[in-house]
Amino acid sequence: MRILVDIDGVCLDLCSAVLDVYNQEWKDSLKYENITKYDMSVLVHHACGRDVYGYFEGDNIYDKVNIIKGSLDGVIRLRGRGHEVVFVTSGLFPAKVRALQKRAFLLDMKGDYHYAKDVIVAHDKSMIRGDLLVDDKPENLIGHVGLLFDKPWNRESTLPRVYDWQGVLKKVEEMCPRTS
């Protein structure tokens, strides 16, 4: 099975890193659980607004990003069961690929970050073919068999949801049981 996996919010906790930098610079105390909309610009200080998205692209932001619990082990287990895991992202920055590589998510990358063999960049993820997409943005699951990775900003969605990587592994096993 080809399993498409979003990077930010599913494998790497970019939101927490961005909040740390934002709160420090704006002397704010916005908490992760208060990010109840995908568009953070409406939740931050009004003077910051859409400028908050600059933090997502900062050269060093991925140095501050933590791995989402169970994600690396989950990817390893899926690959060990014979599944092809492909990372999909709407924005690719050298620092993002370096973060994946440093944390051993990528299989084989030689040279420039543009040549990461298991990373696909597409703003419209419906253009990517896969058997399953795991993502934290409900709109990205349109056109896919998908699992919505639970986050405060997607709680209003009624799409099939998983709460952690154990849930991802369980759903994949239900969809594609191992044969002895």
C-alpha atoms as a PDB file:
ATOM      1  CA  MET A   1       0.000   0.000   0.000  1.00  0.00           C
ATOM      2  CA  ARG A   2       1.262   3.513  -0.748  1.00  0.00           C
ATOM      3  CA  ILE A   3       0.669   5.622   2.347  1.00  0.00           C
ATOM      4  CA  LEU A   4       0.957   9.387   1.971  1.00  0.00           C
ATOM      5  CA  VAL A   5       1.930  11.115   5.208  1.00  0.00           C
ATOM      6  CA  ASP A   6       1.812  14.851   5.856  1.00  0.00           C
ATOM      7  CA  ILE A   7       4.920  16.194   7.555  1.00  0.00           C
ATOM      8  CA  ASP A   8       3.886  19.197   9.669  1.00  0.00           C
ATOM      9  CA  GLY A   9       1.360  18.222  12.315  1.00  0.00           C
ATOM     10  CA  VAL A  10       1.653  14.480  11.670  1.00  0.00           C
ATOM     11  CA  CYS A  11       5.397  13.760  11.929  1.00  0.00           C
ATOM     12  CA  LEU A  12       6.895  17.044  13.107  1.00  0.00           C
ATOM     13  CA  ASP A  13       5.321  19.412  15.645  1.00  0.00           C
ATOM     14  CA  LEU A  14       5.864  22.656  13.763  1.00  0.00           C
ATOM     15  CA  CYS A  15       2.976  24.459  15.481  1.00  0.00           C
ATOM     16  CA  SER A  16       4.563  24.264  18.953  1.00  0.00           C
ATOM     17  CA  ALA A  17       7.894  25.560  17.640  1.00  0.00           C
ATOM     18  CA  VAL A  18       6.175  28.454  15.866  1.00  0.00           C
ATOM     19  CA  LEU A  19       4.152  29.274  18.989  1.00  0.00           C
ATOM     20  CA  ASP A  20       7.317  29.386  21.107  1.00  0.00           C
ATOM     21  CA  VAL A  21       8.954  31.896  18.763  1.00  0.00           C
ATOM     22  CA  TYR A  22       5.747  33.905  18.268  1.00  0.00           C
ATOM     23  CA  ASN A  23       5.002  34.118  22.029  1.00  0.00           C
ATOM     24  CA  GLN A  24       8.548  35.203  22.790  1.00  0.00           C
ATOM     25  CA  GLU A  25       8.636  37.904  20.109  1.00  0.00           C
ATOM     26  CA  TRP A  26       5.112  39.228  20.731  1.00  0.00           C
ATOM     27  CA  LYS A  27       5.113  38.782  24.531  1.00  0.00           C
ATOM     28  CA  ASP A  28       1.965  36.699  24.116  1.00  0.00           C
ATOM     29  CA  SER A  29       0.853  33.496  25.857  1.00  0.00           C
ATOM     30  CA  LEU A  30      -1.063  31.738  23.079  1.00  0.00           C
ATOM     31  CA  LYS A  31      -1.288  28.028  23.848  1.00  0.00           C
ATOM     32  CA  TYR A  32      -1.300  25.061  21.481  1.00  0.00           C
ATOM     33  CA  GLU A  33      -4.781  23.979  22.562  1.00  0.00           C
ATOM     34  CA  ASN A  34      -6.079  27.455  21.637  1.00  0.00           C
ATOM     35  CA  ILE A  35      -5.119  27.005  17.968  1.00  0.00           C
ATOM     36  CA  THR A  36      -8.673  26.043  17.026  1.00  0.00           C
ATOM     37  CA  LYS A  37      -8.493  27.277  13.432  1.00  0.00           C
ATOM     38  CA  TYR A  38      -6.110  26.225  10.705  1.00  0.00           C
ATOM     39  CA  ASP A  39      -5.641  29.906   9.859  1.00  0.00           C
ATOM     40  CA  MET A  40      -3.526  30.994  12.836  1.00  0.00           C
ATOM     41  CA  SER A  41      -3.493  34.599  11.652  1.00  0.00           C
ATOM     42  CA  VAL A  42      -6.948  35.154  13.146  1.00  0.00           C
ATOM     43  CA  LEU A  43      -5.785  33.884  16.553  1.00  0.00           C
ATOM     44  CA  VAL A  44      -2.551  35.810  17.030  1.00  0.00           C
ATOM     45  CA  HIS A  45      -2.115  39.444  18.056  1.00  0.00           C
ATOM     46  CA  HIS A  46      -3.892  41.611  15.462  1.00  0.00           C
ATOM     47  CA  ALA A  47      -0.707  43.560  14.705  1.00  0.00           C
ATOM     48  CA  CYS A  48       1.032  40.283  13.796  1.00  0.00           C
ATOM     49  CA  GLY A  49      -1.827  38.857  11.699  1.00  0.00           C
ATOM     50  CA  ARG A  50      -0.675  37.068   8.537  1.00  0.00           C
ATOM     51  CA  ASP A  51       2.958  37.835   9.380  1.00  0.00           C
ATOM     52  CA  VAL A  52       2.763  34.798  11.684  1.00  0.00           C
ATOM     53  CA  TYR A  53       3.298  32.645   8.581  1.00  0.00           C
ATOM     54  CA  GLY A  54       6.823  34.012   8.268  1.00  0.00           C
ATOM     55  CA  TYR A  55       7.704  31.946  11.356  1.00  0.00           C
ATOM     56  CA  PHE A  56       6.781  28.759   9.476  1.00  0.00           C
ATOM     57  CA  GLU A  57       9.432  29.500   6.875  1.00  0.00           C
ATOM     58  CA  GLY A  58      12.225  30.635   9.186  1.00  0.00           C
ATOM     59  CA  ASP A  59      15.632  29.146   8.479  1.00  0.00           C
ATOM     60  CA  ASN A  60      16.038  27.795  12.006  1.00  0.00           C
ATOM     61  CA  ILE A  61      12.459  26.907  12.926  1.00  0.00           C
ATOM     62  CA  TYR A  62      12.952  23.215  12.100  1.00  0.00           C
ATOM     63  CA  ASP A  63      15.897  23.093  14.500  1.00  0.00           C
ATOM     64  CA  LYS A  64      13.329  23.734  17.249  1.00  0.00           C
ATOM     65  CA  VAL A  65      10.752  21.208  16.003  1.00  0.00           C
ATOM     66  CA  ASN A  66      10.094  18.038  17.974  1.00  0.00           C
ATOM     67  CA  ILE A  67       9.012  14.716  16.522  1.00  0.00           C
ATOM     68  CA  ILE A  68       5.368  13.863  17.142  1.00  0.00           C
ATOM     69  CA  LYS A  69       5.245  10.939  19.552  1.00  0.00           C
ATOM     70  CA  GLY A  70       5.252   7.607  17.760  1.00  0.00           C
ATOM     71  CA  SER A  71       5.699   9.034  14.267  1.00  0.00           C
ATOM     72  CA  LEU A  72       9.182   7.742  13.496  1.00  0.00           C
ATOM     73  CA  ASP A  73       8.436   4.313  14.967  1.00  0.00           C
ATOM     74  CA  GLY A  74       5.125   4.287  13.062  1.00  0.00           C
ATOM     75  CA  VAL A  75       6.803   5.065   9.751  1.00  0.00           C
ATOM     76  CA  ILE A  76       9.438   2.387  10.406  1.00  0.00           C
ATOM     77  CA  ARG A  77       6.752  -0.172  11.269  1.00  0.00           C
ATOM     78  CA  LEU A  78       4.702   0.656   8.163  1.00  0.00           C
ATOM     79  CA  ARG A  79       7.772   0.255   5.963  1.00  0.00           C
ATOM     80  CA  GLY A  80       8.649  -2.961   7.775  1.00  0.00           C
ATOM     81  CA  ARG A  81       5.221  -4.323   6.846  1.00  0.00           C
ATOM     82  CA  GLY A  82       5.998  -3.654   3.196  1.00  0.00           C
ATOM     83  CA  HIS A  83       4.123  -0.379   2.777  1.00  0.00           C
ATOM     84  CA  GLU A  84       5.578   2.475   0.758  1.00  0.00           C
ATOM     85  CA  VAL A  85       5.569   5.635   2.889  1.00  0.00           C
ATOM     86  CA  VAL A  86       5.760   8.899   0.985  1.00  0.00           C
ATOM     87  CA  PHE A  87       5.848  12.260   2.750  1.00  0.00           C
ATOM     88  CA  VAL A  88       3.656  14.946   1.225  1.00  0.00           C
ATOM     89  CA  THR A  89       3.842  18.623   2.048  1.00  0.00           C
ATOM     90  CA  SER A  90       2.488  21.835   0.625  1.00  0.00           C
ATOM     91  CA  GLY A  91       5.678  23.740   1.352  1.00  0.00           C
ATOM     92  CA  LEU A  92       9.194  22.468   1.017  1.00  0.00           C
ATOM     93  CA  PHE A  93      12.054  24.292   2.621  1.00  0.00           C
ATOM     94  CA  PRO A  94      15.615  23.002   2.907  1.00  0.00           C
ATOM     95  CA  ALA A  95      15.306  23.088   6.699  1.00  0.00           C
ATOM     96  CA  LYS A  96      12.213  20.823   6.610  1.00  0.00           C
ATOM     97  CA  VAL A  97      13.978  18.151   4.572  1.00  0.00           C
ATOM     98  CA  ARG A  98      17.076  18.433   6.780  1.00  0.00           C
ATOM     99  CA  ALA A  99      14.869  17.921   9.840  1.00  0.00           C
ATOM    100  CA  LEU A 100      13.377  14.767   8.313  1.00  0.00           C
ATOM    101  CA  GLN A 101      16.786  13.510   7.282  1.00  0.00           C
ATOM    102  CA  LYS A 102      18.373  14.273  10.658  1.00  0.00           C
ATOM    103  CA  ARG A 103      15.609  12.373  12.420  1.00  0.00           C
ATOM    104  CA  ALA A 104      15.934   9.366  10.049  1.00  0.00           C
ATOM    105  CA  PHE A 105      12.523   9.619   8.373  1.00  0.00           C
ATOM    106  CA  LEU A 106      13.931   9.695   4.839  1.00  0.00           C
ATOM    107  CA  LEU A 107      15.100   6.523   3.138  1.00  0.00           C
ATOM    108  CA  ASP A 108      17.638   7.787   0.667  1.00  0.00           C
ATOM    109  CA  MET A 109      18.634  11.331  -0.088  1.00  0.00           C
ATOM    110  CA  LYS A 110      21.691  12.224  -2.038  1.00  0.00           C
ATOM    111  CA  GLY A 111      22.741  15.801  -2.508  1.00  0.00           C
ATOM    112  CA  ASP A 112      20.311  18.691  -2.708  1.00  0.00           C
ATOM    113  CA  TYR A 113      17.015  18.604  -0.812  1.00  0.00           C
ATOM    114  CA  HIS A 114      15.121  18.723  -4.111  1.00  0.00           C
ATOM    115  CA  TYR A 115      16.159  15.110  -4.659  1.00  0.00           C
ATOM    116  CA  ALA A 116      14.576  13.548  -1.588  1.00  0.00           C
ATOM    117  CA  LYS A 117      13.045  10.427  -3.143  1.00  0.00           C
ATOM    118  CA  ASP A 118      10.237   9.961  -0.639  1.00  0.00           C
ATOM    119  CA  VAL A 119       9.027  13.569  -0.400  1.00  0.00           C
ATOM    120  CA  ILE A 120       6.409  15.079  -2.727  1.00  0.00           C
ATOM    121  CA  VAL A 121       5.494  18.746  -2.707  1.00  0.00           C
ATOM    122  CA  ALA A 122       2.004  19.737  -3.789  1.00  0.00           C
ATOM    123  CA  HIS A 123      -0.270  22.455  -2.518  1.00  0.00           C
ATOM    124  CA  ASP A 124      -3.199  20.425  -3.868  1.00  0.00           C
ATOM    125  CA  LYS A 125      -2.673  16.990  -2.351  1.00  0.00           C
ATOM    126  CA  SER A 126      -5.569  15.537  -4.353  1.00  0.00           C
ATOM    127  CA  MET A 127      -3.128  15.485  -7.290  1.00  0.00           C
ATOM    128  CA  ILE A 128      -0.999  12.838  -5.565  1.00  0.00           C
ATOM    129  CA  ARG A 129      -1.886   9.181  -5.988  1.00  0.00           C
ATOM    130  CA  GLY A 130      -1.848   6.986  -2.920  1.00  0.00           C
ATOM    131  CA  ASP A 131      -3.940   4.377  -1.152  1.00  0.00           C
ATOM    132  CA  LEU A 132      -4.210   6.392   2.069  1.00  0.00           C
ATOM    133  CA  LEU A 133      -3.411   9.950   3.183  1.00  0.00           C
ATOM    134  CA  VAL A 134      -2.742  10.851   6.816  1.00  0.00           C
ATOM    135  CA  ASP A 135      -3.083  14.624   7.288  1.00  0.00           C
ATOM    136  CA  ASP A 136      -4.136  17.186   9.897  1.00  0.00           C
ATOM    137  CA  LYS A 137      -5.951  19.474   7.436  1.00  0.00           C
ATOM    138  CA  PRO A 138      -9.427  18.197   6.497  1.00  0.00           C
ATOM    139  CA  GLU A 139      -9.407  19.898   3.097  1.00  0.00           C
ATOM    140  CA  ASN A 140      -6.334  17.903   2.091  1.00  0.00           C
ATOM    141  CA  LEU A 141      -8.260  14.654   2.461  1.00  0.00           C
ATOM    142  CA  ILE A 142     -10.666  15.531  -0.363  1.00  0.00           C
ATOM    143  CA  GLY A 143     -10.213  12.991  -3.132  1.00  0.00           C
ATOM    144  CA  HIS A 144      -8.377  10.527  -0.865  1.00  0.00           C
ATOM    145  CA  VAL A 145      -9.098   7.654   1.408  1.00  0.00           C
ATOM    146  CA  GLY A 146      -7.822   9.446   4.439  1.00  0.00           C
ATOM    147  CA  LEU A 147      -7.267   9.634   8.143  1.00  0.00           C
ATOM    148  CA  LEU A 148      -7.502  12.983   9.880  1.00  0.00           C
ATOM    149  CA  PHE A 149      -4.725  13.293  12.461  1.00  0.00           C
ATOM    150  CA  ASP A 150      -6.414  14.921  15.460  1.00  0.00           C
ATOM    151  CA  LYS A 151      -5.421  18.507  16.255  1.00  0.00           C
ATOM    152  CA  PRO A 152      -7.228  21.388  17.992  1.00  0.00           C
ATOM    153  CA  TRP A 153      -7.705  23.111  14.609  1.00  0.00           C
ATOM    154  CA  ASN A 154      -9.602  20.209  13.014  1.00  0.00           C
ATOM    155  CA  ARG A 155     -11.982  19.161  15.784  1.00  0.00           C
ATOM    156  CA  GLU A 156     -15.065  20.431  13.930  1.00  0.00           C
ATOM    157  CA  SER A 157     -14.492  17.958  11.104  1.00  0.00           C
ATOM    158  CA  THR A 158     -16.468  14.722  10.972  1.00  0.00           C
ATOM    159  CA  LEU A 159     -13.896  12.889   8.830  1.00  0.00           C
ATOM    160  CA  PRO A 160     -12.441   9.582  10.073  1.00  0.00           C
ATOM    161  CA  ARG A 161      -9.895  10.555  12.704  1.00  0.00           C
ATOM    162  CA  VAL A 162      -6.928   9.073  14.508  1.00  0.00           C
ATOM    163  CA  TYR A 163      -5.563  10.477  17.739  1.00  0.00           C
ATOM    164  CA  ASP A 164      -2.011   9.179  17.556  1.00  0.00           C
ATOM    165  CA  TRP A 165       0.306   6.958  15.567  1.00  0.00           C
ATOM    166  CA  GLN A 166      -1.024   3.821  17.278  1.00  0.00           C
ATOM    167  CA  GLY A 167      -4.359   4.743  15.697  1.00  0.00           C
ATOM    168  CA  VAL A 168      -2.710   5.106  12.280  1.00  0.00           C
ATOM    169  CA  LEU A 169      -1.110   1.659  12.589  1.00  0.00           C
ATOM    170  CA  LYS A 170      -4.384   0.092  13.716  1.00  0.00           C
ATOM    171  CA  LYS A 171      -6.359   1.590  10.812  1.00  0.00           C
ATOM    172  CA  VAL A 172      -3.731   0.512   8.272  1.00  0.00           C
ATOM    173  CA  GLU A 173      -3.832  -3.007   9.708  1.00  0.00           C
ATOM    174  CA  GLU A 174      -7.651  -3.025   9.353  1.00  0.00           C
ATOM    175  CA  MET A 175      -7.372  -1.844   5.741  1.00  0.00           C
ATOM    176  CA  CYS A 176      -4.561  -4.203   4.795  1.00  0.00           C
ATOM    177  CA  PRO A 177      -4.290  -7.129   7.206  1.00  0.00           C
ATOM    178  CA  ARG A 178      -1.049  -9.083   7.270  1.00  0.00           C
ATOM    179  CA  THR A 179      -1.210 -12.612   5.979  1.00  0.00           C
ATOM    180  CA  SER A 180       0.744 -15.305   7.766  1.00  0.00           C
END
